[in-house]
Amino acid sequence: MPRLLPGTDLRGLPLSPAEAFIVSRVDGVTSVADISEQTGKSLEVVSALLDRLVALGALSLENPPPTAPRASPAPAPRPSGSLRVGPIVETSALLDVRHPAASLYDPAELDEAVDIDLPRRRQILDLYYHLDELDHYQLFGIDPSADKKAVKSAYFEVVNVFHPDRYFGKNVGSFKPKLEKVFARLTESYNVLSRSQSRAEYDAYLTAQSRTRAFDAGQSESAAHQAAMQEVMRRIQAEASVEARRTSAAPAPPPPPLGRAHQSLSPAPSPGSQPSLRPSASLRPTDPEERRRALARKLGRPGSAQSQERDAVEAESEHRRVAEENSARQTWAADELKRRYQERMQQARGRQVDVYTRAAKQALEKGDNVGAANALRIAVSLSPEDPALTERLNEVASRARVDLSKSYLEQAEYEERDEKWLAAAKSYARVLAGRPEAKIYDRVAHCLLSGSGDLREAGEMAKKAVLMRPDSAAYRVTLARFYLKAGMKQSAEGELSRAATLAPTDDKVTDWVRRLKRELG
């Protein structure tokens, strides 16, 4: 029974379309076999995809309780030539099962007095709050290989549920803007997927995104990397436990003998060495009177009151000595157990470092710098004190960024055409790691200014572009846009004058100069 892990950010994971398609079926009540049946994929394929999702830290696989009642099966959708998924299938099970999207909105939104039944309210909220996470295919619940007919059928089937006109004359309250936003996104997705050229561009964008996400997911601060590290540490602890059970049958070295000499333990100087003993003092009686009293005690002769008092003192001293010996033995045993556990953990950690360094080597042999960088990043997390390993990671990661520059650029250009300004600015900024060019600095600044992003960063990027290419009129226009937004009108006028001088016949530059001068008044 696959279940989504609490707090999982699916957007931050490098999911392939097939993996995203499978994860959309995970609702906490559908078994692996049921997912296989519903998606039309073989059990082996579904199991492999779910294992990959487990490794990414997206979900867990659990055995359902034997006595748990079987959830009511979801009603079969109308034939559409494609496979239905996710939020548009209404089922009474939604009343009893907490949907993974429920944490994204206030449950009080479900209590609003509107003319929409509870299951439909859940559907609207679940899809509305997931819009930013779903690509066009996931939104319609279809496989990326679906043909145009399947896309059209899926669109009209979804619109039948979420079209605002369906609720004409009803009191829908705050659900009205949500329905309108969902419908707008559905229409946008359909327009992209229904045309061959736009769909090809979108597929290329998803391919580029999947390559870059694999590298981004390996970053030390990412949720996917943290999930991978948790899984590695679980394996290390499991290996250490297995080794502990294997060695528990072997007789452990006995604790050092402690006698009347009140011998004390010295700490082990290094792992694997035996604790040494150092006698603190000798209590062998040397005084003649003491020897007589000892002999009298052996012969059972009663001593004087003074002798009896001394005997009591000696008995108390003997009691303390025995207690100290027992405490010393317990301390030695605890230290020995701790030392052995640390040794086993260190050995298991070293084996995992070897596993990931070998994986990185194999990836490099195939020319996969991204896979090698991700493997080395885990190895460095396990062995941060190894400078050679850290240096190797930096070298491979640098090559991976250069390799990914083209993918980041394709992703940024598509996002810019789609007017997703801040996403485009972020993608362009990642291009800079492999291609620190004036054009890329200018595009970062342009997208930040168009999307009301960080103004300071936009200014820094625009200035770098002009410094690298002072003869570019277009870059000076971008810098003038920054100065104008920052309220630096004189600097903006100066850059516009230079731009007009550099490109007096460039219609695009001339148009920008005219527009900005109007804003300057």
Foldseek 3Di string as FASTA:
>chain_A
DKAFDPPDDLLLALDDLVLLLLVQAHWPQAALVNSCVQQVHDSVVSVVSVVVCVLLNGIDDDDDDPPDDHDDDFDDDDDQQFGAGHLQGFDPVPVPGDGSCNVVDDPCQLVDPWPDDNSLSVSLSSCLSCVVVDDLCVLLSGGLVGDLSSLVSSLVSSCCSLVLVVQPPIGPDPSNVSSVVSNVSSVVSNVQRNDDVSVVLVVLLSVLVSLVSLLSLLDCPHPSVVSNLVVLLVVLVVQLVVVCVVCVVPDDDAADDDDPLLWAWDDDPDQPDHIDIDRPGDPPDDDPVVVVLVVCVVVVHDDDPVSVVVVVVVVVVVVVSVVSVVVRRVVSVVVNVVSSSVVSSVVSLVVLLVVLCVQLVVCVVVVNLSSNLSSLSSSCVSPVVDVVSVVVSVVSVLVSLLVSLVSLQSNLVVCVVVLVLVSSLVSLVSSCSNPVALVSLQSNLVSCLSVVHDLVSSLVSLVVSCVRPVLALSSLLSNLSSCVVVVNNVSSVVSLVSSCVSCVPDPVSVVSSVVVVVVSD
